[in-house]
């Protein structure tokens, strides 16, 4: 199932708690901005995504259209390319929706490791759209 405009990007309780710390450390206050950064960081990582229990869902849910902003086509393309690459390389079945959620959760964890805004900004600048 592909993500549609009315769908929501949801975050686990663990992810929400990490995002609250990230918000405090970076002064980036909008969930959608942090989630975009998290997704981009995860997609850029060389290690494949691992299927795991995401945990209890939190009350953080961002509408897909808000999550993407004006870059919906870019996000769809990047995610589809990453998903197709995953499917070619892995014998494990993983739904597209779970694949996206796993990337966001992994990206949040990676983002939480960074304490300074300029480190996060450098991470964002190093992300290459041409990776996939």
Protein backbone atom coordinates (compact mmCIF):
# COMPACT_ATOMS: atom_id res chain seq x y z
CA UNK A 1 0.00 0.00 0.00
CA UNK A 2 1.35 3.39 -0.96
CA UNK A 3 1.01 6.37 1.32
CA UNK A 4 -1.84 8.65 0.33
CA UNK A 5 -2.38 12.35 1.01
CA UNK A 6 -4.85 11.66 3.83
CA UNK A 7 -2.58 9.16 5.58
CA UNK A 8 -0.62 10.02 8.68
CA UNK A 9 3.01 9.57 9.61
CA UNK A 10 2.89 8.13 13.12
CA UNK A 11 5.58 7.92 15.75
CA UNK A 12 6.13 5.48 18.60
CA UNK A 13 6.21 6.52 22.26
CA UNK A 14 9.99 6.05 22.26
CA UNK A 15 10.27 8.16 19.12
CA UNK A 16 8.08 10.88 20.60
CA UNK A 17 10.20 11.08 23.76
CA UNK A 18 13.37 11.34 21.67
CA UNK A 19 11.78 14.01 19.49
CA UNK A 20 10.91 16.06 22.58
CA UNK A 21 14.59 16.06 23.56
CA UNK A 22 15.60 16.92 19.99
CA UNK A 23 13.11 19.80 19.95
CA UNK A 24 14.62 21.14 23.15
CA UNK A 25 18.21 20.80 21.90
CA UNK A 26 17.63 22.24 18.44
CA UNK A 27 14.75 24.67 18.92
CA UNK A 28 13.13 23.09 15.86
CA UNK A 29 9.56 23.03 17.07
CA UNK A 30 7.60 21.49 14.21
CA UNK A 31 7.13 17.71 14.20
CA UNK A 32 7.02 17.54 10.40
CA UNK A 33 10.43 19.21 10.03
CA UNK A 34 12.05 16.86 12.53
CA UNK A 35 10.41 13.83 10.92
CA UNK A 36 11.63 14.88 7.45
CA UNK A 37 15.16 15.19 8.78
CA UNK A 38 14.90 11.83 10.52
CA UNK A 39 13.66 10.12 7.36
CA UNK A 40 16.41 11.67 5.25
CA UNK A 41 19.10 10.61 7.73
CA UNK A 42 17.82 7.04 7.78
CA UNK A 43 17.56 6.81 4.00
CA UNK A 44 21.15 8.01 3.69
CA UNK A 45 22.52 5.32 6.02
CA UNK A 46 24.44 2.46 4.42
CA UNK A 47 22.98 -0.22 6.66
CA UNK A 48 19.74 -1.87 5.55
CA UNK A 49 16.58 -1.33 7.55
CA UNK A 50 15.81 -4.10 10.04
CA UNK A 51 12.29 -5.30 10.71
CA UNK A 52 11.47 -4.93 14.38
CA UNK A 53 8.62 -4.15 16.70
CA UNK A 54 8.17 -0.39 16.63
CA UNK A 55 6.40 -0.34 19.97
CA UNK A 56 3.38 1.51 21.24
CA UNK A 57 2.11 4.31 19.04
CA UNK A 58 2.17 7.80 20.52
CA UNK A 59 -0.21 10.66 19.92
CA UNK A 60 2.23 12.23 17.44
CA UNK A 61 0.72 11.92 13.98
CA UNK A 62 1.49 14.23 11.08
CA UNK A 63 -0.65 14.19 7.97
CA UNK A 64 1.34 12.93 4.97
CA UNK A 65 0.68 16.17 3.06
CA UNK A 66 2.04 18.23 5.98
CA UNK A 67 4.98 15.87 6.41
CA UNK A 68 6.01 16.29 2.77
CA UNK A 69 5.11 19.90 2.22
CA UNK A 70 5.90 20.89 -1.34
CA UNK A 71 8.30 17.96 -1.71
CA UNK A 72 5.75 15.14 -1.89
CA UNK A 73 6.97 13.83 -5.24
CA UNK A 74 10.57 13.79 -4.01
CA UNK A 75 9.68 11.90 -0.83
CA UNK A 76 7.56 9.40 -2.74
CA UNK A 77 10.35 8.82 -5.23
CA UNK A 78 13.05 8.41 -2.57
CA UNK A 79 10.91 6.04 -0.51
CA UNK A 80 9.84 3.98 -3.49
CA UNK A 81 13.43 3.65 -4.69
CA UNK A 82 14.61 2.65 -1.21
CA UNK A 83 11.75 0.16 -0.84
CA UNK A 84 12.40 -1.45 -4.21
CA UNK A 85 16.10 -1.71 -3.37
CA UNK A 86 15.22 -3.32 -0.03
CA UNK A 87 12.91 -5.82 -1.72
CA UNK A 88 15.60 -6.81 -4.25
CA UNK A 89 18.21 -7.37 -1.54
CA UNK A 90 16.08 -8.94 1.20
CA UNK A 91 14.16 -12.18 1.30
CA UNK A 92 12.07 -10.84 4.19
CA UNK A 93 8.64 -9.41 3.45
CA UNK A 94 8.05 -5.94 4.82
CA UNK A 95 5.03 -3.82 3.93
CA UNK A 96 5.71 -0.42 2.43
CA UNK A 97 3.98 1.34 5.33
CA UNK A 98 6.09 -0.48 7.92
CA UNK A 99 9.23 0.18 5.85
CA UNK A 100 8.51 3.93 6.00
CA UNK A 101 7.80 3.82 9.74
CA UNK A 102 10.99 1.86 10.44
CA UNK A 103 13.02 4.45 8.54
CA UNK A 104 11.44 7.30 10.47
CA UNK A 105 11.99 5.59 13.82
CA UNK A 106 15.61 4.74 12.97
CA UNK A 107 16.19 8.30 11.79
CA UNK A 108 14.78 9.70 15.03
CA UNK A 109 17.21 7.53 17.01
CA UNK A 110 20.14 8.71 14.89
CA UNK A 111 19.04 12.32 15.15
CA UNK A 112 18.78 12.00 18.94
CA UNK A 113 22.47 11.11 19.11
CA UNK A 114 23.34 14.61 17.91
CA UNK A 115 23.25 17.29 20.58
CA UNK A 116 24.06 20.43 18.60
CA UNK A 117 22.02 22.10 15.92
CA UNK A 118 24.99 22.76 13.64
CA UNK A 119 25.82 19.04 13.63
CA UNK A 120 22.25 18.30 12.57
CA UNK A 121 22.38 21.00 9.89
CA UNK A 122 25.63 19.49 8.55
CA UNK A 123 23.93 16.10 8.49
CA UNK A 124 21.10 17.56 6.45
CA UNK A 125 23.49 19.25 4.03
CA UNK A 126 25.38 15.99 3.48
CA UNK A 127 22.27 14.12 2.37
CA UNK A 128 22.35 13.42 -1.33
CA UNK A 129 19.11 12.94 -3.22
CA UNK A 130 20.99 10.93 -5.83
CA UNK A 131 21.77 8.09 -3.42
CA UNK A 132 18.82 6.01 -4.61
